[in-house]
Amino acid sequence: MWQTTFFASVATLCVLAAVHAMRRKPRDVSALPALSDEGKALLRSGRKIAAIRACRRQCGASLLEANRAIARHAA
């Protein structure tokens, strides 16, 4: 009985380790293309969320990547 529990635990840990290793790592913000004129205009008008959406749509960035890019540009 304990062997079944042990092997199930080991299998679960292996699956969790594999899933963790396959997670997509965020790119460096400097690797993203420059912010478009649309994104800059949205940011200047105070529409940060719309600017993040535009960044994601234009360069295929994740939410985290786009948020970092917009924050970097705003600074």
C-alpha atoms as a PDB file:
ATOM      1  CA  MET A   1       0.000   0.000   0.000  1.00  0.00           C
ATOM      2  CA  TRP A   2       2.726   2.489   0.897  1.00  0.00           C
ATOM      3  CA  GLN A   3       4.494   1.739  -2.404  1.00  0.00           C
ATOM      4  CA  THR A   4       1.465   2.919  -4.369  1.00  0.00           C
ATOM      5  CA  THR A   5       1.315   6.147  -2.394  1.00  0.00           C
ATOM      6  CA  PHE A   6       5.054   6.672  -2.802  1.00  0.00           C
ATOM      7  CA  PHE A   7       5.004   6.148  -6.572  1.00  0.00           C
ATOM      8  CA  ALA A   8       1.927   8.366  -6.959  1.00  0.00           C
ATOM      9  CA  SER A   9       3.710  11.109  -5.020  1.00  0.00           C
ATOM     10  CA  VAL A  10       6.844  10.779  -7.150  1.00  0.00           C
ATOM     11  CA  ALA A  11       4.780  10.858 -10.349  1.00  0.00           C
ATOM     12  CA  THR A  12       2.942  13.972  -9.158  1.00  0.00           C
ATOM     13  CA  LEU A  13       6.215  15.714  -8.357  1.00  0.00           C
ATOM     14  CA  CYS A  14       7.594  14.822 -11.795  1.00  0.00           C
ATOM     15  CA  VAL A  15       4.516  16.240 -13.520  1.00  0.00           C
ATOM     16  CA  LEU A  16       4.680  19.435 -11.458  1.00  0.00           C
ATOM     17  CA  ALA A  17       8.386  19.838 -12.243  1.00  0.00           C
ATOM     18  CA  ALA A  18       7.727  19.362 -15.967  1.00  0.00           C
ATOM     19  CA  VAL A  19       4.893  21.907 -15.977  1.00  0.00           C
ATOM     20  CA  HIS A  20       7.038  24.417 -14.110  1.00  0.00           C
ATOM     21  CA  ALA A  21       9.917  23.960 -16.564  1.00  0.00           C
ATOM     22  CA  MET A  22       7.637  24.469 -19.584  1.00  0.00           C
ATOM     23  CA  ARG A  23       6.139  27.747 -18.340  1.00  0.00           C
ATOM     24  CA  ARG A  24       6.847  30.634 -20.652  1.00  0.00           C
ATOM     25  CA  LYS A  25       9.379  33.026 -19.216  1.00  0.00           C
ATOM     26  CA  PRO A  26       8.688  36.747 -19.750  1.00  0.00           C
ATOM     27  CA  ARG A  27      10.936  38.424 -22.301  1.00  0.00           C
ATOM     28  CA  ASP A  28      13.131  41.322 -21.397  1.00  0.00           C
ATOM     29  CA  VAL A  29      11.248  44.554 -22.072  1.00  0.00           C
ATOM     30  CA  SER A  30      14.113  45.848 -24.205  1.00  0.00           C
ATOM     31  CA  ALA A  31      13.586  42.882 -26.555  1.00  0.00           C
ATOM     32  CA  LEU A  32      10.089  44.114 -27.442  1.00  0.00           C
ATOM     33  CA  PRO A  33       9.582  46.385 -30.455  1.00  0.00           C
ATOM     34  CA  ALA A  34       9.310  50.128 -29.800  1.00  0.00           C
ATOM     35  CA  LEU A  35       5.956  51.411 -28.620  1.00  0.00           C
ATOM     36  CA  SER A  36       3.781  52.457 -31.561  1.00  0.00           C
ATOM     37  CA  ASP A  37       2.399  55.949 -32.088  1.00  0.00           C
ATOM     38  CA  GLU A  38      -1.016  54.621 -31.058  1.00  0.00           C
ATOM     39  CA  GLY A  39       0.382  53.269 -27.803  1.00  0.00           C
ATOM     40  CA  LYS A  40       2.221  56.522 -27.093  1.00  0.00           C
ATOM     41  CA  ALA A  41      -0.928  58.568 -27.743  1.00  0.00           C
ATOM     42  CA  LEU A  42      -2.989  56.336 -25.462  1.00  0.00           C
ATOM     43  CA  LEU A  43      -0.390  56.614 -22.738  1.00  0.00           C
ATOM     44  CA  ARG A  44      -0.187  60.417 -23.055  1.00  0.00           C
ATOM     45  CA  SER A  45      -3.973  60.650 -22.732  1.00  0.00           C
ATOM     46  CA  GLY A  46      -3.864  58.622 -19.510  1.00  0.00           C
ATOM     47  CA  ARG A  47      -5.333  55.427 -20.976  1.00  0.00           C
ATOM     48  CA  LYS A  48      -2.748  53.014 -19.601  1.00  0.00           C
ATOM     49  CA  ILE A  49      -4.897  49.876 -19.932  1.00  0.00           C
ATOM     50  CA  ALA A  50      -5.687  50.675 -23.571  1.00  0.00           C
ATOM     51  CA  ALA A  51      -1.972  51.256 -24.188  1.00  0.00           C
ATOM     52  CA  ILE A  52      -1.194  47.848 -22.665  1.00  0.00           C
ATOM     53  CA  ARG A  53      -3.826  46.236 -24.909  1.00  0.00           C
ATOM     54  CA  ALA A  54      -2.350  47.955 -27.966  1.00  0.00           C
ATOM     55  CA  CYS A  55       1.145  46.792 -27.015  1.00  0.00           C
ATOM     56  CA  ARG A  56      -0.059  43.213 -26.583  1.00  0.00           C
ATOM     57  CA  ARG A  57      -1.913  43.257 -29.896  1.00  0.00           C
ATOM     58  CA  GLN A  58       0.949  44.801 -31.875  1.00  0.00           C
ATOM     59  CA  CYS A  59       3.920  42.813 -30.600  1.00  0.00           C
ATOM     60  CA  GLY A  60       2.372  39.643 -29.157  1.00  0.00           C
ATOM     61  CA  ALA A  61       3.543  40.427 -25.640  1.00  0.00           C
ATOM     62  CA  SER A  62       2.106  38.784 -22.567  1.00  0.00           C
ATOM     63  CA  LEU A  63       0.198  40.917 -20.078  1.00  0.00           C
ATOM     64  CA  LEU A  64       3.250  41.099 -17.815  1.00  0.00           C
ATOM     65  CA  GLU A  65       5.583  42.026 -20.682  1.00  0.00           C
ATOM     66  CA  ALA A  66       3.244  44.715 -22.011  1.00  0.00           C
ATOM     67  CA  ASN A  67       2.692  46.162 -18.546  1.00  0.00           C
ATOM     68  CA  ARG A  68       6.448  46.384 -17.981  1.00  0.00           C
ATOM     69  CA  ALA A  69       6.990  47.972 -21.405  1.00  0.00           C
ATOM     70  CA  ILE A  70       4.322  50.612 -20.776  1.00  0.00           C
ATOM     71  CA  ALA A  71       5.647  51.321 -17.282  1.00  0.00           C
ATOM     72  CA  ARG A  72       9.167  51.688 -18.667  1.00  0.00           C
ATOM     73  CA  HIS A  73       7.978  54.043 -21.385  1.00  0.00           C
ATOM     74  CA  ALA A  74       5.943  56.112 -18.910  1.00  0.00           C
ATOM     75  CA  ALA A  75       8.933  56.588 -16.598  1.00  0.00           C
END
